[in-house]
Amino acid sequence: MLIQTNLQVECPRCRGGMRSAVVKTAIWAGERLYAVEDVPAYVCEACGERLYDEDTTNAIRRLTEDGFSRAEARHEILVPVFSLGDRIIE
C-alpha cells in the first residue's frame, strides 16, 4: 500500500482533514456493477470525500480495462436494487 500515513492532506471539497484508509468502491461498466475491495484511499473525516493516489488510480483503470474477469473475482454478492421513481415528492 503506497499511502503515507504521516502526510497531511486537505479535502478539496470541504477543506477538512483526510486520513488514510482502506475502502470498498463500486464501479459501473456498461450495465454491470462491480465491487472492488482493499482500495487504499484518503478519506475526509468531515464530508467523506475520497481521494486515490496515482498507483491506486492506475490499478483501478487496469482492472476496468481488463474487463473484470470473473476468474479473478474473490467472491460475489447479491445486491438489492431500489427505485426512487415513486418516492420523490414534488
N, C-alpha and C. Protein backbone atom coordinates (compact mmCIF):
# COMPACT_ATOMS: atom_id res chain seq x y z
N MET A 1 0.86 -1.17 0.00
CA MET A 1 0.00 0.00 0.00
C MET A 1 0.91 1.23 0.00
N LEU A 2 0.62 2.19 -0.85
CA LEU A 2 1.52 3.31 -1.05
C LEU A 2 1.11 4.60 -0.35
N ILE A 3 0.00 4.59 0.38
CA ILE A 3 -0.44 5.81 1.04
C ILE A 3 0.43 6.05 2.27
N GLN A 4 0.92 7.25 2.40
CA GLN A 4 1.75 7.61 3.55
C GLN A 4 0.86 8.08 4.69
N THR A 5 1.03 7.50 5.86
CA THR A 5 0.17 7.85 6.99
C THR A 5 0.53 9.19 7.62
N ASN A 6 1.76 9.66 7.42
CA ASN A 6 2.16 10.92 8.04
C ASN A 6 1.93 12.13 7.13
N LEU A 7 1.42 11.93 5.96
CA LEU A 7 1.17 13.01 5.01
C LEU A 7 -0.13 13.71 5.35
N GLN A 8 -0.12 15.02 5.50
CA GLN A 8 -1.33 15.78 5.77
C GLN A 8 -1.97 16.16 4.44
N VAL A 9 -3.21 15.74 4.26
CA VAL A 9 -3.93 16.02 3.03
C VAL A 9 -5.20 16.77 3.39
N GLU A 10 -5.46 17.86 2.66
CA GLU A 10 -6.66 18.66 2.88
C GLU A 10 -7.71 18.27 1.86
N CYS A 11 -8.94 18.11 2.31
CA CYS A 11 -10.04 17.74 1.44
C CYS A 11 -10.31 18.86 0.43
N PRO A 12 -10.37 18.53 -0.86
CA PRO A 12 -10.63 19.56 -1.87
C PRO A 12 -12.08 20.05 -1.84
N ARG A 13 -12.98 19.28 -1.24
CA ARG A 13 -14.39 19.66 -1.19
C ARG A 13 -14.68 20.59 -0.02
N CYS A 14 -14.26 20.21 1.20
CA CYS A 14 -14.66 20.98 2.39
C CYS A 14 -13.48 21.52 3.18
N ARG A 15 -12.26 21.20 2.76
CA ARG A 15 -11.03 21.63 3.43
C ARG A 15 -10.81 20.94 4.78
N GLY A 16 -11.58 19.89 5.05
CA GLY A 16 -11.38 19.11 6.27
C GLY A 16 -10.13 18.26 6.17
N GLY A 17 -9.76 17.64 7.26
CA GLY A 17 -8.60 16.76 7.28
C GLY A 17 -8.95 15.38 6.72
N MET A 18 -7.98 14.80 6.03
CA MET A 18 -8.19 13.48 5.46
C MET A 18 -7.28 12.49 6.17
N ARG A 19 -7.76 11.23 6.26
CA ARG A 19 -6.97 10.18 6.89
C ARG A 19 -6.79 9.03 5.90
N SER A 20 -5.74 8.26 6.09
CA SER A 20 -5.51 7.08 5.27
C SER A 20 -6.50 6.00 5.68
N ALA A 21 -7.02 5.26 4.70
CA ALA A 21 -7.97 4.19 4.98
C ALA A 21 -7.92 3.18 3.85
N VAL A 22 -8.49 2.03 4.09
CA VAL A 22 -8.69 1.03 3.06
C VAL A 22 -10.20 0.90 2.91
N VAL A 23 -10.70 1.14 1.69
CA VAL A 23 -12.14 1.24 1.46
C VAL A 23 -12.60 0.25 0.40
N LYS A 24 -13.90 0.19 0.22
CA LYS A 24 -14.53 -0.53 -0.89
C LYS A 24 -15.09 0.53 -1.82
N THR A 25 -15.16 0.21 -3.10
CA THR A 25 -15.78 1.12 -4.05
C THR A 25 -16.58 0.31 -5.06
N ALA A 26 -17.50 0.96 -5.74
CA ALA A 26 -18.33 0.31 -6.75
C ALA A 26 -18.08 0.99 -8.08
N ILE A 27 -18.00 0.17 -9.13
CA ILE A 27 -17.74 0.68 -10.47
C ILE A 27 -18.77 0.08 -11.43
N TRP A 28 -19.43 0.95 -12.17
CA TRP A 28 -20.35 0.51 -13.23
C TRP A 28 -19.55 0.37 -14.51
N ALA A 29 -19.71 -0.77 -15.18
CA ALA A 29 -19.12 -0.98 -16.50
C ALA A 29 -20.26 -1.49 -17.38
N GLY A 30 -20.74 -0.63 -18.26
CA GLY A 30 -21.93 -0.97 -19.04
C GLY A 30 -23.11 -1.10 -18.09
N GLU A 31 -23.80 -2.22 -18.16
CA GLU A 31 -24.96 -2.47 -17.30
C GLU A 31 -24.60 -3.29 -16.06
N ARG A 32 -23.32 -3.54 -15.84
CA ARG A 32 -22.88 -4.38 -14.72
C ARG A 32 -22.24 -3.54 -13.64
N LEU A 33 -22.51 -3.91 -12.40
CA LEU A 33 -21.93 -3.25 -11.22
C LEU A 33 -20.88 -4.17 -10.62
N TYR A 34 -19.70 -3.61 -10.34
CA TYR A 34 -18.61 -4.38 -9.75
C TYR A 34 -18.19 -3.72 -8.44
N ALA A 35 -17.96 -4.54 -7.43
CA ALA A 35 -17.45 -4.05 -6.15
C ALA A 35 -15.96 -4.34 -6.10
N VAL A 36 -15.19 -3.37 -5.64
CA VAL A 36 -13.74 -3.52 -5.53
C VAL A 36 -13.37 -3.28 -4.07
N GLU A 37 -12.70 -4.25 -3.46
CA GLU A 37 -12.30 -4.16 -2.06
C GLU A 37 -10.81 -3.85 -1.94
N ASP A 38 -10.38 -3.54 -0.73
CA ASP A 38 -8.96 -3.33 -0.42
C ASP A 38 -8.36 -2.17 -1.21
N VAL A 39 -9.12 -1.08 -1.31
CA VAL A 39 -8.70 0.09 -2.07
C VAL A 39 -8.09 1.11 -1.11
N PRO A 40 -6.78 1.39 -1.21
CA PRO A 40 -6.18 2.42 -0.37
C PRO A 40 -6.68 3.80 -0.80
N ALA A 41 -7.03 4.63 0.18
CA ALA A 41 -7.59 5.95 -0.13
C ALA A 41 -7.31 6.91 1.00
N TYR A 42 -7.47 8.19 0.70
CA TYR A 42 -7.57 9.22 1.73
C TYR A 42 -9.06 9.52 1.86
N VAL A 43 -9.57 9.53 3.08
CA VAL A 43 -10.99 9.77 3.32
C VAL A 43 -11.13 10.98 4.22
N CYS A 44 -11.96 11.95 3.80
CA CYS A 44 -12.19 13.16 4.59
C CYS A 44 -12.97 12.79 5.85
N GLU A 45 -12.48 13.24 6.98
CA GLU A 45 -13.15 12.96 8.26
C GLU A 45 -14.41 13.80 8.43
N ALA A 46 -14.57 14.86 7.64
CA ALA A 46 -15.74 15.73 7.76
C ALA A 46 -16.85 15.35 6.78
N CYS A 47 -16.51 15.22 5.49
CA CYS A 47 -17.56 15.02 4.48
C CYS A 47 -17.54 13.65 3.80
N GLY A 48 -16.51 12.85 4.03
CA GLY A 48 -16.44 11.52 3.44
C GLY A 48 -15.85 11.44 2.04
N GLU A 49 -15.44 12.58 1.48
CA GLU A 49 -14.80 12.59 0.16
C GLU A 49 -13.62 11.62 0.16
N ARG A 50 -13.41 10.94 -0.97
CA ARG A 50 -12.30 10.01 -1.10
C ARG A 50 -11.35 10.47 -2.19
N LEU A 51 -10.06 10.32 -1.93
CA LEU A 51 -9.03 10.58 -2.92
C LEU A 51 -8.16 9.35 -3.05
N TYR A 52 -7.73 9.04 -4.27
CA TYR A 52 -6.87 7.90 -4.52
C TYR A 52 -5.55 8.41 -5.09
N ASP A 53 -4.44 7.77 -4.68
CA ASP A 53 -3.16 8.16 -5.24
C ASP A 53 -3.02 7.62 -6.66
N GLU A 54 -1.96 8.00 -7.33
CA GLU A 54 -1.77 7.64 -8.73
C GLU A 54 -1.68 6.13 -8.93
N ASP A 55 -0.96 5.42 -8.05
CA ASP A 55 -0.84 3.97 -8.19
C ASP A 55 -2.19 3.28 -8.06
N THR A 56 -3.02 3.73 -7.12
CA THR A 56 -4.35 3.15 -6.93
C THR A 56 -5.23 3.45 -8.13
N THR A 57 -5.19 4.70 -8.60
CA THR A 57 -5.97 5.08 -9.78
C THR A 57 -5.58 4.23 -10.99
N ASN A 58 -4.29 4.01 -11.17
CA ASN A 58 -3.82 3.19 -12.29
C ASN A 58 -4.28 1.74 -12.15
N ALA A 59 -4.27 1.20 -10.92
CA ALA A 59 -4.73 -0.18 -10.69
C ALA A 59 -6.21 -0.31 -11.00
N ILE A 60 -7.01 0.68 -10.60
CA ILE A 60 -8.45 0.66 -10.90
C ILE A 60 -8.67 0.75 -12.41
N ARG A 61 -7.92 1.62 -13.07
CA ARG A 61 -8.04 1.75 -14.53
C ARG A 61 -7.70 0.44 -15.22
N ARG A 62 -6.61 -0.23 -14.80
CA ARG A 62 -6.22 -1.50 -15.43
C ARG A 62 -7.29 -2.57 -15.20
N LEU A 63 -7.84 -2.63 -13.99
CA LEU A 63 -8.90 -3.59 -13.69
C LEU A 63 -10.11 -3.36 -14.60
N THR A 64 -10.47 -2.10 -14.79
CA THR A 64 -11.59 -1.75 -15.66
C THR A 64 -11.29 -2.10 -17.11
N GLU A 65 -10.09 -1.76 -17.58
CA GLU A 65 -9.71 -2.06 -18.96
C GLU A 65 -9.63 -3.56 -19.22
N ASP A 66 -9.25 -4.34 -18.20
CA ASP A 66 -9.16 -5.80 -18.34
C ASP A 66 -10.53 -6.46 -18.37
N GLY A 67 -11.58 -5.71 -18.06
CA GLY A 67 -12.94 -6.21 -18.18
C GLY A 67 -13.47 -6.98 -17.00
N PHE A 68 -12.88 -6.84 -15.82
CA PHE A 68 -13.37 -7.50 -14.62
C PHE A 68 -13.55 -9.00 -14.84
N SER A 69 -12.47 -9.69 -15.11
CA SER A 69 -12.51 -11.13 -15.36
C SER A 69 -13.13 -11.86 -14.17
N ARG A 70 -14.18 -12.60 -14.43
CA ARG A 70 -14.87 -13.34 -13.38
C ARG A 70 -13.94 -14.33 -12.69
N ALA A 71 -12.95 -14.84 -13.41
CA ALA A 71 -12.00 -15.79 -12.84
C ALA A 71 -11.15 -15.15 -11.74
N GLU A 72 -10.98 -13.83 -11.78
CA GLU A 72 -10.18 -13.13 -10.78
C GLU A 72 -10.99 -12.64 -9.58
N ALA A 73 -12.31 -12.75 -9.65
CA ALA A 73 -13.16 -12.26 -8.56
C ALA A 73 -12.91 -13.06 -7.29
N ARG A 74 -12.80 -12.36 -6.15
CA ARG A 74 -12.60 -13.03 -4.87
C ARG A 74 -13.88 -13.71 -4.40
N HIS A 75 -15.02 -13.07 -4.61
CA HIS A 75 -16.33 -13.62 -4.27
C HIS A 75 -17.38 -12.78 -4.94
N GLU A 76 -18.64 -13.19 -4.85
CA GLU A 76 -19.75 -12.44 -5.43
C GLU A 76 -20.76 -12.13 -4.34
N ILE A 77 -21.51 -11.03 -4.53
CA ILE A 77 -22.54 -10.64 -3.59
C ILE A 77 -23.84 -10.38 -4.34
N LEU A 78 -24.95 -10.50 -3.65
CA LEU A 78 -26.26 -10.18 -4.21
C LEU A 78 -26.61 -8.77 -3.76
N VAL A 79 -26.99 -7.90 -4.69
CA VAL A 79 -27.27 -6.50 -4.37
C VAL A 79 -28.73 -6.17 -4.68
N PRO A 80 -29.52 -5.80 -3.68
CA PRO A 80 -30.89 -5.37 -3.95
C PRO A 80 -30.89 -4.04 -4.70
N VAL A 81 -31.86 -3.85 -5.58
CA VAL A 81 -31.98 -2.62 -6.36
C VAL A 81 -33.30 -1.94 -6.01
N PHE A 82 -33.24 -0.66 -5.68
CA PHE A 82 -34.41 0.13 -5.33
C PHE A 82 -34.61 1.24 -6.34
N SER A 83 -35.81 1.80 -6.39
CA SER A 83 -36.12 2.91 -7.27
C SER A 83 -36.70 4.06 -6.46
N LEU A 84 -36.31 5.26 -6.82
CA LEU A 84 -36.89 6.46 -6.23
C LEU A 84 -38.02 7.00 -7.07
N GLY A 85 -38.32 6.35 -8.18
CA GLY A 85 -39.34 6.81 -9.12
C GLY A 85 -40.67 7.15 -8.48
N ASP A 86 -41.13 6.35 -7.55
CA ASP A 86 -42.42 6.62 -6.92
C ASP A 86 -42.28 7.22 -5.51
N ARG A 87 -41.09 7.58 -5.12
CA ARG A 87 -40.86 8.11 -3.78
C ARG A 87 -40.54 9.61 -3.76
N ILE A 88 -40.32 10.19 -4.91
CA ILE A 88 -39.98 11.62 -4.97
C ILE A 88 -41.25 12.44 -4.85
N ILE A 89 -41.28 13.31 -3.85
CA ILE A 89 -42.43 14.17 -3.63
C ILE A 89 -42.10 15.55 -4.18
N GLU A 90 -42.93 16.01 -5.09
CA GLU A 90 -42.68 17.32 -5.71
C GLU A 90 -43.55 18.37 -5.09
